[in-house]
Amino acid sequence: MPTRLLHTHTGVLCNRHAQLTRFMNSKQYKQLVSLCTTCDPDQRMELVRTAVLKYFQYVTLSHRWGDDEPSLRDIEGHLIYDMSAKEGFEKLQAFCTVACEQGFLWAWSDTCCIDKDSSAELQEAIGSMFTWYRRSSLTVVYLSDVQDTGSLGNSEWFRRGWTLQELLAPRTVLFYTQDWSLYKNLTSSNHKTDIAVLEELERATGIESRFLTHFSPGMDDARSRLQWASSRRTTRPEDIAYSLFGIFNLHLPVLYGELAEKALGRLLAEIISQSGDISVLDWVGEASQFHSC
């Protein structure tokens, strides 16, 4: 579970202790205790597991960062629904409203649910982010530059580094356009199962639909995975490598301030070390600006 989650009903940011406190004060907890006192001991753990997993289902946000994105410090101790409707805050409020309307009690956004002033927490978050998106019950993709009649593939979202894992990791995804309408008004519970949307995603990313719907992190076909990322950009140069750690299921040190070439060199060295696949160095086409090997 992510370290912090937004409570969608109230707009309060909750750390793990606050999340557990809310659970233990909930009607679901009282029902669980009642059931556990009367059921067979062998059934108890399964009842606990089922109740906890259901209560703590959460929604993740995938988006392009814009102006005035709220940080952890901005929203700590405040109700997000009562805060200024500046661009970033308005987006966060709309996301939590969508999560609530979809029936979820918890939501997570990378803008405000990570303490970016803590290098240890930032390291943990980058190392865990693929798993957090994979374990989410839903990922809401907000395409701020796509209007109601626009095409999904034209969004800048498809040209950013971090959004690659945010597309591949979740099992359930819904795309929302500029005014927070469902893309093409598709009412499916998962746009990854919509044939028309999958075809658009294939064209926009160059990734086969089988990877979009059933992606497993690891070293298989490493060269293709690097190729998917090759045309994407990140604001911080080092993130071009860090954003791929989850896709390759690697846990490497995050060292902001190192050159992008160094970060990519460490990534490629680890891929070759674990997979033995030197084809990742065999590049055809325009030379990259990063000659890390």
Foldseek 3Di string as FASTA:
>chain_A
DFQWWAFLVFQAIDGPVRLVVCVCPDPLVVVLVVCLVPDDVVCNVVSVVVSVLVQPAEEEEQEDDDPPADAQVRPHPHRLVPDDCPPNSVVVNLVSVVCVVVPHRIYDYPRYSFDPVDLVRVLVCLLCVLVVQQSHPEYEYEQQPADQPGAPLVGCSQQALLCVSNQQRYQAYFYAYNVRATHNNDPDRGCLPPPVSLVSVCVSQVDHSCRRNDNDAALPPVLVVLVSLVRHDYPQLLVSLSSCCRNHVHRDRDDRPDHNLQSVLVNVVVSCVVPVDPCSVVDDDDDDPRPSD
